[in-house]
PDB file of N, CA and C in Angstrom:
ATOM      1  N   UNK A   1      44.050-131.904  98.038  1.00  0.00           N
ATOM      2  CA  UNK A   1      44.638-130.642  98.707  1.00  0.00           C
ATOM      3  C   UNK A   1      44.642-129.925  97.107  1.00  0.00           C
ATOM      4  N   UNK A   2      45.299-130.741  95.874  1.00  0.00           N
ATOM      5  CA  UNK A   2      45.427-129.861  94.676  1.00  0.00           C
ATOM      6  C   UNK A   2      43.989-129.470  94.529  1.00  0.00           C
ATOM      7  N   UNK A   3      43.024-130.183  94.614  1.00  0.00           N
ATOM      8  CA  UNK A   3      41.522-129.867  94.249  1.00  0.00           C
ATOM      9  C   UNK A   3      41.099-128.478  94.892  1.00  0.00           C
ATOM     10  N   UNK A   4      41.488-128.509  96.086  1.00  0.00           N
ATOM     11  CA  UNK A   4      41.017-127.784  97.118  1.00  0.00           C
ATOM     12  C   UNK A   4      41.428-126.454  97.032  1.00  0.00           C
ATOM     13  N   UNK A   5      42.960-126.317  96.538  1.00  0.00           N
ATOM     14  CA  UNK A   5      43.751-125.235  96.040  1.00  0.00           C
ATOM     15  C   UNK A   5      43.335-124.522  94.932  1.00  0.00           C
ATOM     16  N   UNK A   6      42.942-125.693  93.836  1.00  0.00           N
ATOM     17  CA  UNK A   6      42.223-124.905  92.514  1.00  0.00           C
ATOM     18  C   UNK A   6      40.876-124.464  92.860  1.00  0.00           C
ATOM     19  N   UNK A   7      39.895-125.138  93.326  1.00  0.00           N
ATOM     20  CA  UNK A   7      38.461-124.916  94.098  1.00  0.00           C
ATOM     21  C   UNK A   7      38.707-123.371  94.481  1.00  0.00           C
ATOM     22  N   UNK A   8      39.507-123.321  95.056  1.00  0.00           N
ATOM     23  CA  UNK A   8      40.100-121.713  95.831  1.00  0.00           C
ATOM     24  C   UNK A   8      40.296-120.780  95.024  1.00  0.00           C
ATOM     25  N   UNK A   9      41.285-121.067  94.332  1.00  0.00           N
ATOM     26  CA  UNK A   9      41.596-119.974  93.276  1.00  0.00           C
ATOM     27  C   UNK A   9      40.593-119.808  92.456  1.00  0.00           C
ATOM     28  N   UNK A  10      39.643-120.765  91.922  1.00  0.00           N
ATOM     29  CA  UNK A  10      38.693-120.575  90.782  1.00  0.00           C
ATOM     30  C   UNK A  10      37.839-119.659  91.496  1.00  0.00           C
ATOM     31  N   UNK A  11      37.334-119.864  93.020  1.00  0.00           N
ATOM     32  CA  UNK A  11      36.152-119.041  93.585  1.00  0.00           C
ATOM     33  C   UNK A  11      36.796-117.637  93.455  1.00  0.00           C
ATOM     34  N   UNK A  12      38.000-117.445  93.831  1.00  0.00           N
ATOM     35  CA  UNK A  12      38.568-116.105  94.039  1.00  0.00           C
ATOM     36  C   UNK A  12      38.659-115.117  92.812  1.00  0.00           C
ATOM     37  N   UNK A  13      39.156-115.869  91.516  1.00  0.00           N
ATOM     38  CA  UNK A  13      38.771-115.281  90.345  1.00  0.00           C
ATOM     39  C   UNK A  13      37.609-114.840  89.865  1.00  0.00           C
ATOM     40  N   UNK A  14      36.575-115.947  90.281  1.00  0.00           N
ATOM     41  CA  UNK A  14      35.092-115.528  89.665  1.00  0.00           C
ATOM     42  C   UNK A  14      34.438-114.452  90.420  1.00  0.00           C
ATOM     43  N   UNK A  15      34.992-114.123  92.082  1.00  0.00           N
ATOM     44  CA  UNK A  15      34.533-113.121  92.698  1.00  0.00           C
ATOM     45  C   UNK A  15      35.207-111.684  92.603  1.00  0.00           C
ATOM     46  N   UNK A  16      36.290-111.616  91.845  1.00  0.00           N
ATOM     47  CA  UNK A  16      37.442-110.500  91.536  1.00  0.00           C
ATOM     48  C   UNK A  16      36.352-109.602  90.354  1.00  0.00           C
ATOM     49  N   UNK A  17      36.737-108.345  90.549  1.00  0.00           N
ATOM     50  CA  UNK A  17      35.908-107.475  89.835  1.00  0.00           C
ATOM     51  C   UNK A  17      35.890-107.579  88.398  1.00  0.00           C
ATOM     52  N   UNK A  18      37.036-108.179  87.990  1.00  0.00           N
ATOM     53  CA  UNK A  18      37.508-108.587  86.487  1.00  0.00           C
ATOM     54  C   UNK A  18      36.342-109.606  85.874  1.00  0.00           C
ATOM     55  N   UNK A  19      35.981-110.307  86.652  1.00  0.00           N
ATOM     56  CA  UNK A  19      35.057-111.283  86.205  1.00  0.00           C
ATOM     57  C   UNK A  19      33.758-111.195  86.883  1.00  0.00           C
ATOM     58  N   UNK A  20      33.312-110.253  87.334  1.00  0.00           N
ATOM     59  CA  UNK A  20      32.188-110.134  88.109  1.00  0.00           C
ATOM     60  C   UNK A  20      31.176-109.866  86.802  1.00  0.00           C
ATOM     61  N   UNK A  21      29.812-110.494  86.974  1.00  0.00           N
ATOM     62  CA  UNK A  21      28.673-110.142  85.583  1.00  0.00           C
ATOM     63  C   UNK A  21      27.943-108.961  86.363  1.00  0.00           C
ATOM     64  N   UNK A  22      27.648-108.270  85.624  1.00  0.00           N
ATOM     65  CA  UNK A  22      26.702-106.995  86.001  1.00  0.00           C
ATOM     66  C   UNK A  22      25.163-107.685  85.473  1.00  0.00           C
ATOM     67  N   UNK A  23      24.636-107.972  86.618  1.00  0.00           N
ATOM     68  CA  UNK A  23      23.490-108.339  86.644  1.00  0.00           C
ATOM     69  C   UNK A  23      22.367-107.630  85.704  1.00  0.00           C
ATOM     70  N   UNK A  24      22.416-106.353  85.597  1.00  0.00           N
ATOM     71  CA  UNK A  24      21.543-105.531  84.638  1.00  0.00           C
ATOM     72  C   UNK A  24      21.674-105.951  82.950  1.00  0.00           C
ATOM     73  N   UNK A  25      23.241-105.809  83.006  1.00  0.00           N
ATOM     74  CA  UNK A  25      23.699-106.027  81.543  1.00  0.00           C
ATOM     75  C   UNK A  25      22.973-107.432  81.129  1.00  0.00           C
ATOM     76  N   UNK A  26      23.464-108.505  81.839  1.00  0.00           N
ATOM     77  CA  UNK A  26      22.670-109.680  81.931  1.00  0.00           C
ATOM     78  C   UNK A  26      21.511-109.772  81.504  1.00  0.00           C
ATOM     79  N   UNK A  27      20.552-109.178  82.358  1.00  0.00           N
ATOM     80  CA  UNK A  27      19.056-109.385  81.766  1.00  0.00           C
ATOM     81  C   UNK A  27      18.866-109.098  80.436  1.00  0.00           C
ATOM     82  N   UNK A  28      19.555-107.783  80.310  1.00  0.00           N
ATOM     83  CA  UNK A  28      19.337-107.123  78.806  1.00  0.00           C
ATOM     84  C   UNK A  28      19.764-107.824  77.872  1.00  0.00           C
ATOM     85  N   UNK A  29      20.892-108.601  78.005  1.00  0.00           N
ATOM     86  CA  UNK A  29      21.548-109.530  77.068  1.00  0.00           C
ATOM     87  C   UNK A  29      20.386-110.754  76.604  1.00  0.00           C
ATOM     88  N   UNK A  30      19.695-111.238  77.880  1.00  0.00           N
ATOM     89  CA  UNK A  30      18.765-112.122  77.900  1.00  0.00           C
ATOM     90  C   UNK A  30      17.446-111.950  77.097  1.00  0.00           C
ATOM     91  N   UNK A  31      17.162-110.824  77.692  1.00  0.00           N
ATOM     92  CA  UNK A  31      16.065-110.219  76.802  1.00  0.00           C
ATOM     93  C   UNK A  31      16.285-109.846  75.417  1.00  0.00           C
ATOM     94  N   UNK A  32      17.250-109.553  74.750  1.00  0.00           N
ATOM     95  CA  UNK A  32      17.677-109.317  73.542  1.00  0.00           C
ATOM     96  C   UNK A  32      17.376-110.643  72.951  1.00  0.00           C
ATOM     97  N   UNK A  33      18.110-111.612  73.338  1.00  0.00           N
ATOM     98  CA  UNK A  33      18.209-113.163  72.825  1.00  0.00           C
ATOM     99  C   UNK A  33      17.017-113.465  72.349  1.00  0.00           C
ATOM    100  N   UNK A  34      15.852-113.464  73.767  1.00  0.00           N
ATOM    101  CA  UNK A  34      14.724-114.116  73.602  1.00  0.00           C
ATOM    102  C   UNK A  34      13.691-113.292  73.119  1.00  0.00           C
ATOM    103  N   UNK A  35      14.058-112.042  72.683  1.00  0.00           N
ATOM    104  CA  UNK A  35      13.072-111.293  72.134  1.00  0.00           C
ATOM    105  C   UNK A  35      12.404-111.704  70.812  1.00  0.00           C
ATOM    106  N   UNK A  36      11.291-111.688  70.261  1.00  0.00           N
ATOM    107  CA  UNK A  36      10.993-112.102  68.991  1.00  0.00           C
ATOM    108  C   UNK A  36      11.612-111.022  67.773  1.00  0.00           C
ATOM    109  N   UNK A  37      12.110-111.665  66.640  1.00  0.00           N
ATOM    110  CA  UNK A  37      12.727-111.261  65.623  1.00  0.00           C
ATOM    111  C   UNK A  37      12.045-110.010  64.712  1.00  0.00           C
ATOM    112  N   UNK A  38      12.490-108.968  64.623  1.00  0.00           N
ATOM    113  CA  UNK A  38      11.917-107.838  63.807  1.00  0.00           C
ATOM    114  C   UNK A  38      11.252-108.416  62.413  1.00  0.00           C
ATOM    115  N   UNK A  39      10.345-107.684  62.415  1.00  0.00           N
ATOM    116  CA  UNK A  39       9.294-108.188  61.043  1.00  0.00           C
ATOM    117  C   UNK A  39      10.009-107.755  60.172  1.00  0.00           C
ATOM    118  N   UNK A  40      10.012-108.741  58.982  1.00  0.00           N
ATOM    119  CA  UNK A  40      10.545-107.974  57.492  1.00  0.00           C
ATOM    120  C   UNK A  40       9.944-106.805  57.155  1.00  0.00           C
ATOM    121  N   UNK A  41      10.801-106.057  56.391  1.00  0.00           N
ATOM    122  CA  UNK A  41      10.067-104.723  55.392  1.00  0.00           C
ATOM    123  C   UNK A  41       9.208-105.349  54.352  1.00  0.00           C
ATOM    124  N   UNK A  42       7.935-104.789  54.067  1.00  0.00           N
ATOM    125  CA  UNK A  42       7.280-105.286  52.977  1.00  0.00           C
ATOM    126  C   UNK A  42       8.016-105.355  52.015  1.00  0.00           C
ATOM    127  N   UNK A  43       7.524-106.213  50.895  1.00  0.00           N
ATOM    128  CA  UNK A  43       8.201-106.470  49.679  1.00  0.00           C
ATOM    129  C   UNK A  43       8.427-105.119  48.704  1.00  0.00           C
ATOM    130  N   UNK A  44       7.215-104.088  48.478  1.00  0.00           N
ATOM    131  CA  UNK A  44       7.246-103.086  48.083  1.00  0.00           C
ATOM    132  C   UNK A  44       7.789-101.798  48.429  1.00  0.00           C
ATOM    133  N   UNK A  45       8.548-102.137  49.907  1.00  0.00           N
ATOM    134  CA  UNK A  45       9.276-101.407  50.523  1.00  0.00           C
ATOM    135  C   UNK A  45      10.886-101.226  49.678  1.00  0.00           C
ATOM    136  N   UNK A  46      11.287-102.591  49.339  1.00  0.00           N
ATOM    137  CA  UNK A  46      12.419-102.399  48.543  1.00  0.00           C
ATOM    138  C   UNK A  46      12.453-102.807  47.247  1.00  0.00           C
ATOM    139  N   UNK A  47      11.436-102.062  46.798  1.00  0.00           N
ATOM    140  CA  UNK A  47      11.526-101.690  45.161  1.00  0.00           C
ATOM    141  C   UNK A  47      12.750-101.649  44.361  1.00  0.00           C
ATOM    142  N   UNK A  48      12.894-102.511  43.383  1.00  0.00           N
ATOM    143  CA  UNK A  48      14.122-101.770  42.430  1.00  0.00           C
ATOM    144  C   UNK A  48      13.853-100.736  41.492  1.00  0.00           C
ATOM    145  N   UNK A  49      14.913 -99.523  41.227  1.00  0.00           N
ATOM    146  CA  UNK A  49      14.681 -98.588  40.699  1.00  0.00           C
ATOM    147  C   UNK A  49      13.946 -98.786  39.279  1.00  0.00           C
ATOM    148  N   UNK A  50      12.889 -97.904  39.089  1.00  0.00           N
ATOM    149  CA  UNK A  50      12.421 -97.890  37.376  1.00  0.00           C
ATOM    150  C   UNK A  50      13.398 -98.125  36.691  1.00  0.00           C
ATOM    151  N   UNK A  51      13.003 -98.713  35.459  1.00  0.00           N
ATOM    152  CA  UNK A  51      14.183 -99.012  34.415  1.00  0.00           C
ATOM    153  C   UNK A  51      14.164 -97.370  33.798  1.00  0.00           C
ATOM    154  N   UNK A  52      15.538 -97.148  33.244  1.00  0.00           N
ATOM    155  CA  UNK A  52      15.393 -95.780  32.522  1.00  0.00           C
ATOM    156  C   UNK A  52      15.076 -95.928  31.081  1.00  0.00           C
ATOM    157  N   UNK A  53      14.603 -94.963  30.572  1.00  0.00           N
ATOM    158  CA  UNK A  53      13.766 -95.051  29.335  1.00  0.00           C
ATOM    159  C   UNK A  53      14.901 -94.506  28.433  1.00  0.00           C
ATOM    160  N   UNK A  54      15.576 -95.213  27.432  1.00  0.00           N
ATOM    161  CA  UNK A  54      17.184 -94.827  26.653  1.00  0.00           C
ATOM    162  C   UNK A  54      15.894 -93.623  25.892  1.00  0.00           C
ATOM    163  N   UNK A  55      14.904 -93.440  25.343  1.00  0.00           N
ATOM    164  CA  UNK A  55      14.310 -92.589  24.601  1.00  0.00           C
ATOM    165  C   UNK A  55      14.052 -91.068  24.841  1.00  0.00           C
ATOM    166  N   UNK A  56      13.975 -91.292  26.318  1.00  0.00           N
ATOM    167  CA  UNK A  56      13.615 -89.999  26.865  1.00  0.00           C
ATOM    168  C   UNK A  56      14.399 -89.357  28.054  1.00  0.00           C
ATOM    169  N   UNK A  57      15.248 -90.275  28.620  1.00  0.00           N
ATOM    170  CA  UNK A  57      16.282 -89.887  29.394  1.00  0.00           C
ATOM    171  C   UNK A  57      17.558 -89.015  29.036  1.00  0.00           C
ATOM    172  N   UNK A  58      18.004 -88.079  30.022  1.00  0.00           N
ATOM    173  CA  UNK A  58      18.862 -86.776  29.704  1.00  0.00           C
ATOM    174  C   UNK A  58      20.224 -87.729  29.726  1.00  0.00           C
ATOM    175  N   UNK A  59      21.092 -86.795  28.740  1.00  0.00           N
ATOM    176  CA  UNK A  59      22.685 -87.502  28.680  1.00  0.00           C
ATOM    177  C   UNK A  59      23.318 -87.789  29.936  1.00  0.00           C
ATOM    178  N   UNK A  60      22.722 -86.591  31.089  1.00  0.00           N
ATOM    179  CA  UNK A  60      23.496 -86.652  32.373  1.00  0.00           C
ATOM    180  C   UNK A  60      22.787 -87.953  33.163  1.00  0.00           C
ATOM    181  N   UNK A  61      21.556 -88.209  33.032  1.00  0.00           N
ATOM    182  CA  UNK A  61      20.888 -89.566  33.229  1.00  0.00           C
ATOM    183  C   UNK A  61      21.481 -90.488  33.112  1.00  0.00           C
ATOM    184  N   UNK A  62      21.894 -90.669  31.669  1.00  0.00           N
ATOM    185  CA  UNK A  62      22.126 -91.755  31.279  1.00  0.00           C
ATOM    186  C   UNK A  62      23.535 -92.348  31.600  1.00  0.00           C
ATOM    187  N   UNK A  63      24.263 -91.119  31.589  1.00  0.00           N
ATOM    188  CA  UNK A  63      25.740 -91.211  32.118  1.00  0.00           C
ATOM    189  C   UNK A  63      25.956 -91.952  33.503  1.00  0.00           C
ATOM    190  N   UNK A  64      24.823 -92.052  34.155  1.00  0.00           N
ATOM    191  CA  UNK A  64      25.070 -92.727  35.635  1.00  0.00           C
ATOM    192  C   UNK A  64      24.871 -94.244  35.604  1.00  0.00           C
ATOM    193  N   UNK A  65      24.700 -94.489  34.257  1.00  0.00           N
ATOM    194  CA  UNK A  65      24.486 -96.441  34.303  1.00  0.00           C
ATOM    195  C   UNK A  65      26.000 -96.676  34.236  1.00  0.00           C
ATOM    196  N   UNK A  66      26.440 -97.787  34.573  1.00  0.00           N
ATOM    197  CA  UNK A  66      27.661 -98.407  34.565  1.00  0.00           C
ATOM    198  C   UNK A  66      28.275 -98.744  33.148  1.00  0.00           C
ATOM    199  N   UNK A  67      29.097 -97.957  32.976  1.00  0.00           N
ATOM    200  CA  UNK A  67      29.747 -98.125  31.626  1.00  0.00           C
ATOM    201  C   UNK A  67      29.358 -97.045  30.594  1.00  0.00           C
ATOM    202  N   UNK A  68      28.574 -96.452  31.212  1.00  0.00           N
ATOM    203  CA  UNK A  68      28.218 -95.088  30.169  1.00  0.00           C
ATOM    204  C   UNK A  68      28.600 -94.159  30.640  1.00  0.00           C
ATOM    205  N   UNK A  69      29.378 -93.374  29.983  1.00  0.00           N
ATOM    206  CA  UNK A  69      29.805 -92.074  30.634  1.00  0.00           C
ATOM    207  C   UNK A  69      29.173 -90.924  29.619  1.00  0.00           C
ATOM    208  N   UNK A  70      30.456 -89.874  29.704  1.00  0.00           N
ATOM    209  CA  UNK A  70      29.231 -88.552  28.950  1.00  0.00           C
ATOM    210  C   UNK A  70      29.524 -89.027  27.521  1.00  0.00           C
ATOM    211  N   UNK A  71      30.451 -89.394  27.060  1.00  0.00           N
ATOM    212  CA  UNK A  71      30.340 -89.830  25.467  1.00  0.00           C
ATOM    213  C   UNK A  71      29.597 -90.540  24.647  1.00  0.00           C
ATOM    214  N   UNK A  72      29.240 -91.444  25.611  1.00  0.00           N
ATOM    215  CA  UNK A  72      28.327 -92.654  25.185  1.00  0.00           C
ATOM    216  C   UNK A  72      26.703 -92.094  25.411  1.00  0.00           C
ATOM    217  N   UNK A  73      26.638 -91.471  26.448  1.00  0.00           N
ATOM    218  CA  UNK A  73      25.385 -91.035  27.049  1.00  0.00           C
ATOM    219  C   UNK A  73      24.847 -90.089  25.565  1.00  0.00           C
ATOM    220  N   UNK A  74      25.878 -89.093  25.048  1.00  0.00           N
ATOM    221  CA  UNK A  74      25.592 -88.262  24.154  1.00  0.00           C
ATOM    222  C   UNK A  74      25.361 -88.655  22.816  1.00  0.00           C
ATOM    223  N   UNK A  75      26.283 -90.176  22.551  1.00  0.00           N
ATOM    224  CA  UNK A  75      25.930 -91.068  21.584  1.00  0.00           C
ATOM    225  C   UNK A  75      24.378 -91.478  21.589  1.00  0.00           C
ATOM    226  N   UNK A  76      23.769 -91.911  22.623  1.00  0.00           N
ATOM    227  CA  UNK A  76      22.492 -92.476  22.901  1.00  0.00           C
ATOM    228  C   UNK A  76      21.581 -91.638  22.470  1.00  0.00           C
ATOM    229  N   UNK A  77      21.656 -90.411  23.063  1.00  0.00           N
ATOM    230  CA  UNK A  77      20.750 -89.526  22.725  1.00  0.00           C
ATOM    231  C   UNK A  77      20.530 -89.121  21.463  1.00  0.00           C
ATOM    232  N   UNK A  78      22.016 -89.228  20.646  1.00  0.00           N
ATOM    233  CA  UNK A  78      21.981 -88.466  19.186  1.00  0.00           C
ATOM    234  C   UNK A  78      21.599 -89.621  18.603  1.00  0.00           C
ATOM    235  N   UNK A  79      21.435 -91.021  19.049  1.00  0.00           N
ATOM    236  CA  UNK A  79      20.916 -92.402  17.957  1.00  0.00           C
ATOM    237  C   UNK A  79      19.350 -92.349  18.192  1.00  0.00           C
ATOM    238  N   UNK A  80      18.656 -91.459  18.791  1.00  0.00           N
ATOM    239  CA  UNK A  80      17.266 -91.768  19.065  1.00  0.00           C
ATOM    240  C   UNK A  80      16.398 -91.624  17.969  1.00  0.00           C
ATOM    241  N   UNK A  81      15.022 -92.067  17.748  1.00  0.00           N
ATOM    242  CA  UNK A  81      14.601 -93.048  18.550  1.00  0.00           C
ATOM    243  C   UNK A  81      14.887 -94.940  18.496  1.00  0.00           C
ATOM    244  N   UNK A  82      15.007 -95.424  19.374  1.00  0.00           N
ATOM    245  CA  UNK A  82      15.047 -96.616  19.577  1.00  0.00           C
ATOM    246  C   UNK A  82      13.973 -97.428  19.653  1.00  0.00           C
ATOM    247  N   UNK A  83      13.911 -98.575  18.886  1.00  0.00           N
ATOM    248  CA  UNK A  83      12.150 -99.151  18.893  1.00  0.00           C
ATOM    249  C   UNK A  83      12.612-100.420  19.734  1.00  0.00           C
ATOM    250  N   UNK A  84      14.020-100.899  20.270  1.00  0.00           N
ATOM    251  CA  UNK A  84      14.037-101.659  21.770  1.00  0.00           C
ATOM    252  C   UNK A  84      15.398-101.535  22.135  1.00  0.00           C
ATOM    253  N   UNK A  85      15.500-101.880  23.335  1.00  0.00           N
ATOM    254  CA  UNK A  85      16.751-101.654  23.893  1.00  0.00           C
ATOM    255  C   UNK A  85      18.084-102.119  23.504  1.00  0.00           C
ATOM    256  N   UNK A  86      17.929-103.372  22.758  1.00  0.00           N
ATOM    257  CA  UNK A  86      18.851-104.324  22.070  1.00  0.00           C
ATOM    258  C   UNK A  86      19.801-103.112  20.797  1.00  0.00           C
ATOM    259  N   UNK A  87      18.590-101.884  20.347  1.00  0.00           N
ATOM    260  CA  UNK A  87      19.315-101.088  19.384  1.00  0.00           C
ATOM    261  C   UNK A  87      20.426-100.623  20.013  1.00  0.00           C
ATOM    262  N   UNK A  88      20.907-100.458  21.144  1.00  0.00           N
ATOM    263  CA  UNK A  88      22.269 -99.794  21.286  1.00  0.00           C
ATOM    264  C   UNK A  88      23.459-100.957  20.703  1.00  0.00           C
ATOM    265  N   UNK A  89      23.156-101.915  20.737  1.00  0.00           N
ATOM    266  CA  UNK A  89      24.299-102.777  20.183  1.00  0.00           C
ATOM    267  C   UNK A  89      24.034-102.732  18.952  1.00  0.00           C
ATOM    268  N   UNK A  90      22.523-103.248  18.442  1.00  0.00           N
ATOM    269  CA  UNK A  90      22.747-103.052  17.073  1.00  0.00           C
ATOM    270  C   UNK A  90      23.129-101.914  16.152  1.00  0.00           C
ATOM    271  N   UNK A  91      22.776-100.838  16.877  1.00  0.00           N
ATOM    272  CA  UNK A  91      23.148 -99.447  15.727  1.00  0.00           C
ATOM    273  C   UNK A  91      24.485 -99.425  16.450  1.00  0.00           C
ATOM    274  N   UNK A  92      25.393 -99.988  17.160  1.00  0.00           N
ATOM    275  CA  UNK A  92      26.961 -99.914  17.505  1.00  0.00           C
ATOM    276  C   UNK A  92      27.154 -98.480  18.530  1.00  0.00           C
ATOM    277  N   UNK A  93      25.884 -98.456  19.087  1.00  0.00           N
ATOM    278  CA  UNK A  93      26.338 -97.136  20.057  1.00  0.00           C
ATOM    279  C   UNK A  93      26.931 -97.671  21.449  1.00  0.00           C
ATOM    280  N   UNK A  94      26.883 -98.883  21.781  1.00  0.00           N
ATOM    281  CA  UNK A  94      27.740 -99.434  22.750  1.00  0.00           C
ATOM    282  C   UNK A  94      28.391-100.775  22.522  1.00  0.00           C
ATOM    283  N   UNK A  95      29.210-101.285  22.995  1.00  0.00           N
ATOM    284  CA  UNK A  95      29.560-102.590  22.947  1.00  0.00           C
ATOM    285  C   UNK A  95      28.723-103.712  23.712  1.00  0.00           C
ATOM    286  N   UNK A  96      28.423-105.124  23.226  1.00  0.00           N
ATOM    287  CA  UNK A  96      27.799-105.838  24.152  1.00  0.00           C
ATOM    288  C   UNK A  96      28.038-105.892  25.332  1.00  0.00           C
ATOM    289  N   UNK A  97      28.945-106.023  26.063  1.00  0.00           N
ATOM    290  CA  UNK A  97      29.639-106.364  27.106  1.00  0.00           C
ATOM    291  C   UNK A  97      28.996-105.171  28.105  1.00  0.00           C
ATOM    292  N   UNK A  98      29.034-103.790  27.585  1.00  0.00           N
ATOM    293  CA  UNK A  98      28.236-102.908  28.460  1.00  0.00           C
ATOM    294  C   UNK A  98      26.889-102.916  28.359  1.00  0.00           C
ATOM    295  N   UNK A  99      26.131-103.661  27.097  1.00  0.00           N
ATOM    296  CA  UNK A  99      24.945-103.625  26.983  1.00  0.00           C
ATOM    297  C   UNK A  99      24.490-104.874  27.960  1.00  0.00           C
ATOM    298  N   UNK A 100      25.083-105.615  28.502  1.00  0.00           N
ATOM    299  CA  UNK A 100      24.953-107.062  29.111  1.00  0.00           C
ATOM    300  C   UNK A 100      24.806-106.313  30.829  1.00  0.00           C
ATOM    301  N   UNK A 101      25.720-105.681  31.023  1.00  0.00           N
ATOM    302  CA  UNK A 101      25.676-104.869  32.426  1.00  0.00           C
ATOM    303  C   UNK A 101      24.511-103.890  32.676  1.00  0.00           C
ATOM    304  N   UNK A 102      23.892-103.416  31.713  1.00  0.00           N
ATOM    305  CA  UNK A 102      22.857-102.274  31.702  1.00  0.00           C
ATOM    306  C   UNK A 102      21.333-102.803  31.131  1.00  0.00           C
ATOM    307  N   UNK A 103      21.430-104.099  30.577  1.00  0.00           N
ATOM    308  CA  UNK A 103      20.223-104.223  30.166  1.00  0.00           C
ATOM    309  C   UNK A 103      19.058-104.402  30.894  1.00  0.00           C
ATOM    310  N   UNK A 104      19.424-104.962  32.354  1.00  0.00           N
ATOM    311  CA  UNK A 104      18.103-104.708  33.125  1.00  0.00           C
ATOM    312  C   UNK A 104      17.537-103.346  33.606  1.00  0.00           C
ATOM    313  N   UNK A 105      18.490-102.830  32.966  1.00  0.00           N
ATOM    314  CA  UNK A 105      18.049-101.354  34.032  1.00  0.00           C
ATOM    315  C   UNK A 105      17.611-100.177  33.054  1.00  0.00           C
ATOM    316  N   UNK A 106      17.463-100.818  31.713  1.00  0.00           N
ATOM    317  CA  UNK A 106      16.932 -99.811  30.568  1.00  0.00           C
ATOM    318  C   UNK A 106      16.030-100.248  30.304  1.00  0.00           C
ATOM    319  N   UNK A 107      15.190 -99.564  29.256  1.00  0.00           N
ATOM    320  CA  UNK A 107      13.841 -99.782  28.513  1.00  0.00           C
ATOM    321  C   UNK A 107      13.788 -98.638  27.142  1.00  0.00           C
ATOM    322  N   UNK A 108      13.045 -99.132  26.498  1.00  0.00           N
ATOM    323  CA  UNK A 108      12.739 -98.201  25.479  1.00  0.00           C
ATOM    324  C   UNK A 108      11.186 -97.949  24.918  1.00  0.00           C
ATOM    325  N   UNK A 109      11.000 -96.761  25.886  1.00  0.00           N
ATOM    326  CA  UNK A 109       9.371 -96.679  25.635  1.00  0.00           C
ATOM    327  C   UNK A 109       9.114 -96.241  23.906  1.00  0.00           C
ATOM    328  N   UNK A 110       8.160 -96.431  23.309  1.00  0.00           N
ATOM    329  CA  UNK A 110       7.818 -95.775  22.186  1.00  0.00           C
ATOM    330  C   UNK A 110       6.595 -94.919  22.508  1.00  0.00           C
ATOM    331  N   UNK A 111       6.737 -93.974  21.343  1.00  0.00           N
ATOM    332  CA  UNK A 111       5.729 -92.728  21.421  1.00  0.00           C
ATOM    333  C   UNK A 111       4.444 -93.042  21.286  1.00  0.00           C
ATOM    334  N   UNK A 112       3.518 -92.923  21.878  1.00  0.00           N
ATOM    335  CA  UNK A 112       2.052 -93.196  21.074  1.00  0.00           C
ATOM    336  C   UNK A 112       1.627 -92.327  20.115  1.00  0.00           C
ATOM    337  N   UNK A 113       1.117 -92.956  19.207  1.00  0.00           N
ATOM    338  CA  UNK A 113       0.704 -92.405  17.933  1.00  0.00           C
ATOM    339  C   UNK A 113      -0.761 -91.551  17.881  1.00  0.00           C
TER     340      UNK A 113
END
């Protein structure tokens, strides 16, 4: 008897609008789940930004680098030319920890003679 009552209650709950399954939505869910995964973007679409040249960038551009504000960017411009990007530390323009944060984002191009 208990099984009959349990089965009756279960079927009544499943038939109620609260538990009704929208067939259209179910088909969409199945189609979405079985659809082929989207292709990854080409590798060149996610290029890293070009490194900033400390010998030619403006003070405003340099100030956008982490740890480089208005004062340090002006000091970088004033200390030009640099033979290598590590000159920023060697010439005591910026501290080592700031250099470590930006070293992969900068370069020091040389003028061609």
